[in-house]
Amino acid sequence: MVENYTDLPAPESVRIIDFDEARAVPGIVPGTFILVVNGVMPYQNMTVRLSPRVYVERPVHWGIEVVGSLPGIGIPATAPYTVSLPLDGVLGTRGIEVIGANRTEQIAVP
């Protein structure tokens, strides 16, 4: 039986977390871009990744969430992080929107 994706239960070990800076930099191949995001994670053993949202149609700004996950018990010590994501296939008509816990940032990408 196929369930509606948005009706499925949310995970307990994954959260959208804050970020300090986000920028789109040119890739090695002309016309490509890479999103680079950095900040401070709230747990030293947290894994941080960038997770593009899923759309039926191409949006104006493609939403990309900054996601932190814990493999078990969190070590309550902050640590800096830097993560990146190639933007091939996840660009809106005007760019991207980086989505953190307390703010979002729209970045125009040519």
N, C-alpha and C. Protein backbone atom coordinates (compact mmCIF):
# COMPACT_ATOMS: atom_id res chain seq x y z
N MET A 1 0.84 -1.18 0.00
CA MET A 1 0.00 0.00 0.00
C MET A 1 0.89 1.25 0.00
N VAL A 2 0.61 2.17 -0.87
CA VAL A 2 1.39 3.40 -0.97
C VAL A 2 0.75 4.48 -0.10
N GLU A 3 1.55 5.05 0.78
CA GLU A 3 1.05 6.12 1.65
C GLU A 3 1.48 7.47 1.10
N ASN A 4 0.78 8.51 1.49
CA ASN A 4 1.17 9.86 1.13
C ASN A 4 2.46 10.19 1.89
N TYR A 5 3.49 10.58 1.18
CA TYR A 5 4.81 10.83 1.78
C TYR A 5 4.74 11.79 2.96
N THR A 6 3.98 12.85 2.83
CA THR A 6 3.92 13.86 3.90
C THR A 6 3.17 13.37 5.13
N ASP A 7 2.41 12.27 5.00
CA ASP A 7 1.69 11.72 6.15
C ASP A 7 2.52 10.73 6.96
N LEU A 8 3.70 10.35 6.46
CA LEU A 8 4.56 9.42 7.18
C LEU A 8 5.13 10.08 8.43
N PRO A 9 5.44 9.32 9.48
CA PRO A 9 5.96 9.91 10.72
C PRO A 9 7.34 10.56 10.51
N ALA A 10 7.58 11.65 11.24
CA ALA A 10 8.87 12.35 11.17
C ALA A 10 9.89 11.62 12.03
N PRO A 11 11.16 11.61 11.63
CA PRO A 11 12.18 10.93 12.43
C PRO A 11 12.53 11.72 13.69
N GLU A 12 12.96 11.01 14.72
CA GLU A 12 13.37 11.65 15.97
C GLU A 12 14.85 12.02 15.97
N SER A 13 15.66 11.36 15.14
CA SER A 13 17.11 11.55 15.19
C SER A 13 17.61 12.60 14.19
N VAL A 14 16.72 13.22 13.45
CA VAL A 14 17.10 14.18 12.40
C VAL A 14 16.39 15.50 12.65
N ARG A 15 17.13 16.60 12.51
CA ARG A 15 16.56 17.93 12.70
C ARG A 15 17.17 18.91 11.70
N ILE A 16 16.41 19.93 11.34
CA ILE A 16 16.97 21.06 10.59
C ILE A 16 17.74 21.89 11.61
N ILE A 17 18.99 22.25 11.28
CA ILE A 17 19.83 23.00 12.22
C ILE A 17 20.22 24.35 11.63
N ASP A 18 20.79 25.20 12.45
CA ASP A 18 21.21 26.54 12.04
C ASP A 18 22.45 26.49 11.14
N PHE A 19 22.61 27.54 10.38
CA PHE A 19 23.83 27.74 9.60
C PHE A 19 24.25 29.19 9.74
N ASP A 20 25.53 29.46 9.53
CA ASP A 20 26.06 30.82 9.63
C ASP A 20 26.23 31.47 8.27
N GLU A 21 26.69 30.70 7.29
CA GLU A 21 26.99 31.26 5.97
C GLU A 21 26.65 30.23 4.90
N ALA A 22 26.11 30.72 3.79
CA ALA A 22 25.83 29.87 2.63
C ALA A 22 26.22 30.64 1.38
N ARG A 23 26.87 29.93 0.45
CA ARG A 23 27.26 30.58 -0.81
C ARG A 23 27.29 29.54 -1.93
N ALA A 24 27.00 30.01 -3.12
CA ALA A 24 27.09 29.16 -4.31
C ALA A 24 28.37 29.54 -5.04
N VAL A 25 29.26 28.57 -5.24
CA VAL A 25 30.53 28.83 -5.90
C VAL A 25 30.56 28.08 -7.23
N PRO A 26 31.29 28.61 -8.21
CA PRO A 26 31.39 27.91 -9.49
C PRO A 26 32.07 26.55 -9.34
N GLY A 27 31.57 25.57 -10.08
CA GLY A 27 32.19 24.25 -10.09
C GLY A 27 33.36 24.20 -11.05
N ILE A 28 33.98 23.05 -11.16
CA ILE A 28 35.12 22.88 -12.06
C ILE A 28 34.68 22.97 -13.52
N VAL A 29 33.53 22.37 -13.82
CA VAL A 29 32.98 22.40 -15.18
C VAL A 29 32.23 23.72 -15.36
N PRO A 30 32.49 24.46 -16.45
CA PRO A 30 31.80 25.73 -16.68
C PRO A 30 30.27 25.55 -16.65
N GLY A 31 29.59 26.50 -16.00
CA GLY A 31 28.14 26.47 -15.92
C GLY A 31 27.59 25.63 -14.77
N THR A 32 28.48 25.06 -13.94
CA THR A 32 28.02 24.30 -12.78
C THR A 32 28.32 25.07 -11.51
N PHE A 33 27.55 24.76 -10.46
CA PHE A 33 27.72 25.46 -9.19
C PHE A 33 27.65 24.46 -8.03
N ILE A 34 28.29 24.83 -6.92
CA ILE A 34 28.30 24.02 -5.72
C ILE A 34 27.86 24.90 -4.56
N LEU A 35 26.92 24.40 -3.76
CA LEU A 35 26.50 25.11 -2.56
C LEU A 35 27.43 24.73 -1.42
N VAL A 36 27.97 25.73 -0.73
CA VAL A 36 28.84 25.52 0.43
C VAL A 36 28.18 26.21 1.63
N VAL A 37 27.96 25.46 2.69
CA VAL A 37 27.30 25.98 3.88
C VAL A 37 28.17 25.67 5.09
N ASN A 38 28.31 26.65 5.99
CA ASN A 38 29.04 26.37 7.23
C ASN A 38 28.30 26.96 8.42
N GLY A 39 28.66 26.43 9.58
CA GLY A 39 28.03 26.87 10.81
C GLY A 39 28.62 26.11 11.98
N VAL A 40 27.86 26.05 13.07
CA VAL A 40 28.29 25.34 14.27
C VAL A 40 27.20 24.33 14.62
N MET A 41 27.59 23.06 14.70
CA MET A 41 26.62 22.03 15.06
C MET A 41 26.54 21.91 16.58
N PRO A 42 25.34 21.62 17.10
CA PRO A 42 25.15 21.60 18.55
C PRO A 42 25.73 20.38 19.26
N TYR A 43 26.06 19.34 18.50
CA TYR A 43 26.65 18.13 19.08
C TYR A 43 27.89 17.76 18.30
N GLN A 44 28.94 17.39 19.01
CA GLN A 44 30.21 17.10 18.37
C GLN A 44 30.14 15.88 17.44
N ASN A 45 29.30 14.93 17.74
CA ASN A 45 29.21 13.71 16.93
C ASN A 45 28.04 13.73 15.94
N MET A 46 27.52 14.91 15.65
CA MET A 46 26.42 15.06 14.70
C MET A 46 26.94 14.98 13.26
N THR A 47 26.14 14.40 12.39
CA THR A 47 26.44 14.39 10.96
C THR A 47 25.56 15.45 10.31
N VAL A 48 26.16 16.35 9.53
CA VAL A 48 25.41 17.42 8.88
C VAL A 48 25.45 17.18 7.37
N ARG A 49 24.29 17.37 6.72
CA ARG A 49 24.22 17.23 5.27
C ARG A 49 23.21 18.23 4.72
N LEU A 50 23.25 18.42 3.42
CA LEU A 50 22.31 19.30 2.74
C LEU A 50 21.30 18.42 2.01
N SER A 51 20.02 18.68 2.24
CA SER A 51 18.97 17.84 1.70
C SER A 51 18.01 18.66 0.84
N PRO A 52 18.08 18.51 -0.49
CA PRO A 52 17.15 19.24 -1.37
C PRO A 52 15.71 18.77 -1.17
N ARG A 53 14.78 19.70 -1.19
CA ARG A 53 13.37 19.35 -1.12
C ARG A 53 12.93 18.75 -2.45
N VAL A 54 11.79 18.08 -2.44
CA VAL A 54 11.25 17.43 -3.64
C VAL A 54 10.10 18.28 -4.18
N TYR A 55 10.12 18.52 -5.48
CA TYR A 55 9.08 19.33 -6.12
C TYR A 55 8.52 18.59 -7.34
N VAL A 56 7.26 18.87 -7.64
CA VAL A 56 6.64 18.33 -8.85
C VAL A 56 7.04 19.19 -10.05
N GLU A 57 7.09 20.51 -9.84
CA GLU A 57 7.51 21.45 -10.87
C GLU A 57 8.70 22.25 -10.35
N ARG A 58 9.51 22.74 -11.26
CA ARG A 58 10.68 23.53 -10.89
C ARG A 58 10.25 24.83 -10.22
N PRO A 59 10.68 25.06 -8.96
CA PRO A 59 10.28 26.28 -8.25
C PRO A 59 11.18 27.46 -8.64
N VAL A 60 10.82 28.64 -8.16
CA VAL A 60 11.64 29.83 -8.38
C VAL A 60 12.96 29.69 -7.62
N HIS A 61 12.89 29.32 -6.35
CA HIS A 61 14.07 29.04 -5.52
C HIS A 61 13.93 27.63 -4.98
N TRP A 62 14.88 26.76 -5.30
CA TRP A 62 14.81 25.37 -4.85
C TRP A 62 15.24 25.31 -3.39
N GLY A 63 14.39 24.78 -2.53
CA GLY A 63 14.68 24.69 -1.10
C GLY A 63 15.67 23.58 -0.79
N ILE A 64 16.70 23.93 -0.03
CA ILE A 64 17.70 22.95 0.41
C ILE A 64 17.84 23.09 1.92
N GLU A 65 17.51 22.02 2.63
CA GLU A 65 17.53 22.04 4.09
C GLU A 65 18.90 21.67 4.64
N VAL A 66 19.30 22.34 5.73
CA VAL A 66 20.53 21.99 6.46
C VAL A 66 20.09 21.03 7.56
N VAL A 67 20.50 19.77 7.43
CA VAL A 67 19.98 18.70 8.29
C VAL A 67 21.09 18.11 9.14
N GLY A 68 20.82 17.97 10.44
CA GLY A 68 21.76 17.32 11.35
C GLY A 68 21.14 16.04 11.87
N SER A 69 21.94 14.98 11.95
CA SER A 69 21.45 13.72 12.50
C SER A 69 22.44 13.18 13.53
N LEU A 70 21.88 12.47 14.52
CA LEU A 70 22.70 11.89 15.58
C LEU A 70 22.66 10.36 15.49
N PRO A 71 23.82 9.72 15.65
CA PRO A 71 23.87 8.26 15.57
C PRO A 71 23.48 7.57 16.87
N GLY A 72 23.07 8.30 17.85
CA GLY A 72 22.74 7.73 19.17
C GLY A 72 22.71 8.84 20.18
N ILE A 73 23.49 8.71 21.25
CA ILE A 73 23.57 9.75 22.28
C ILE A 73 24.44 10.89 21.77
N GLY A 74 23.94 12.12 21.90
CA GLY A 74 24.69 13.28 21.44
C GLY A 74 25.72 13.73 22.44
N ILE A 75 26.92 14.04 21.97
CA ILE A 75 27.98 14.59 22.82
C ILE A 75 27.77 16.10 22.83
N PRO A 76 27.31 16.68 23.97
CA PRO A 76 26.92 18.09 24.01
C PRO A 76 28.10 19.05 24.01
N ALA A 77 28.80 19.09 22.89
CA ALA A 77 29.89 20.04 22.69
C ALA A 77 29.77 20.53 21.26
N THR A 78 29.78 21.84 21.07
CA THR A 78 29.64 22.39 19.73
C THR A 78 30.89 22.14 18.90
N ALA A 79 30.71 22.13 17.59
CA ALA A 79 31.83 21.93 16.67
C ALA A 79 31.47 22.60 15.34
N PRO A 80 32.45 23.19 14.67
CA PRO A 80 32.17 23.81 13.37
C PRO A 80 31.92 22.73 12.31
N TYR A 81 31.14 23.09 11.29
CA TYR A 81 30.93 22.19 10.16
C TYR A 81 30.96 22.98 8.86
N THR A 82 31.34 22.31 7.80
CA THR A 82 31.24 22.81 6.44
C THR A 82 30.77 21.65 5.58
N VAL A 83 29.68 21.87 4.84
CA VAL A 83 29.14 20.85 3.95
C VAL A 83 28.92 21.47 2.58
N SER A 84 28.92 20.61 1.56
CA SER A 84 28.72 21.12 0.20
C SER A 84 27.81 20.18 -0.57
N LEU A 85 27.21 20.72 -1.64
CA LEU A 85 26.29 19.96 -2.48
C LEU A 85 26.36 20.49 -3.90
N PRO A 86 26.66 19.64 -4.89
CA PRO A 86 26.58 20.08 -6.28
C PRO A 86 25.13 20.45 -6.60
N LEU A 87 24.92 21.55 -7.30
CA LEU A 87 23.58 22.04 -7.57
C LEU A 87 23.00 21.53 -8.89
N ASP A 88 23.64 20.56 -9.52
CA ASP A 88 23.10 19.98 -10.75
C ASP A 88 21.75 19.33 -10.45
N GLY A 89 20.71 19.79 -11.14
CA GLY A 89 19.39 19.19 -10.99
C GLY A 89 18.58 19.71 -9.82
N VAL A 90 19.12 20.63 -9.03
CA VAL A 90 18.37 21.18 -7.89
C VAL A 90 18.43 22.71 -7.89
N LEU A 91 18.34 23.30 -9.08
CA LEU A 91 18.31 24.76 -9.19
C LEU A 91 16.91 25.21 -9.59
N GLY A 92 16.40 26.21 -8.87
CA GLY A 92 15.15 26.82 -9.28
C GLY A 92 15.39 27.76 -10.46
N THR A 93 14.34 28.38 -10.93
CA THR A 93 14.48 29.28 -12.09
C THR A 93 15.34 30.50 -11.76
N ARG A 94 15.39 30.87 -10.49
CA ARG A 94 16.23 32.01 -10.07
C ARG A 94 17.36 31.61 -9.14
N GLY A 95 17.32 30.41 -8.58
CA GLY A 95 18.39 30.01 -7.67
C GLY A 95 17.93 29.02 -6.63
N ILE A 96 18.46 29.18 -5.41
CA ILE A 96 18.18 28.25 -4.32
C ILE A 96 17.78 29.02 -3.07
N GLU A 97 17.19 28.29 -2.11
CA GLU A 97 16.89 28.85 -0.81
C GLU A 97 17.42 27.87 0.23
N VAL A 98 18.39 28.32 1.01
CA VAL A 98 18.98 27.49 2.07
C VAL A 98 18.09 27.64 3.30
N ILE A 99 17.66 26.50 3.86
CA ILE A 99 16.69 26.49 4.94
C ILE A 99 17.35 25.96 6.21
N GLY A 100 17.48 26.83 7.20
CA GLY A 100 18.02 26.45 8.50
C GLY A 100 16.93 26.49 9.55
N ALA A 101 17.29 26.19 10.79
CA ALA A 101 16.32 26.14 11.88
C ALA A 101 15.70 27.51 12.17
N ASN A 102 16.50 28.57 12.09
CA ASN A 102 16.00 29.89 12.48
C ASN A 102 15.97 30.92 11.37
N ARG A 103 16.44 30.54 10.18
CA ARG A 103 16.40 31.50 9.07
C ARG A 103 16.55 30.77 7.75
N THR A 104 16.19 31.49 6.70
CA THR A 104 16.43 30.99 5.34
C THR A 104 17.19 32.06 4.58
N GLU A 105 17.87 31.64 3.52
CA GLU A 105 18.61 32.59 2.70
C GLU A 105 18.47 32.21 1.23
N GLN A 106 17.97 33.16 0.44
CA GLN A 106 17.85 32.93 -0.99
C GLN A 106 19.14 33.36 -1.68
N ILE A 107 19.62 32.52 -2.58
CA ILE A 107 20.84 32.80 -3.31
C ILE A 107 20.54 32.70 -4.79
N ALA A 108 20.80 33.78 -5.52
CA ALA A 108 20.61 33.79 -6.96
C ALA A 108 21.75 33.03 -7.61
N VAL A 109 21.41 32.11 -8.51
CA VAL A 109 22.41 31.33 -9.23
C VAL A 109 22.12 31.49 -10.72
N PRO A 110 23.10 31.99 -11.47
CA PRO A 110 22.83 32.22 -12.90
C PRO A 110 22.48 30.96 -13.66
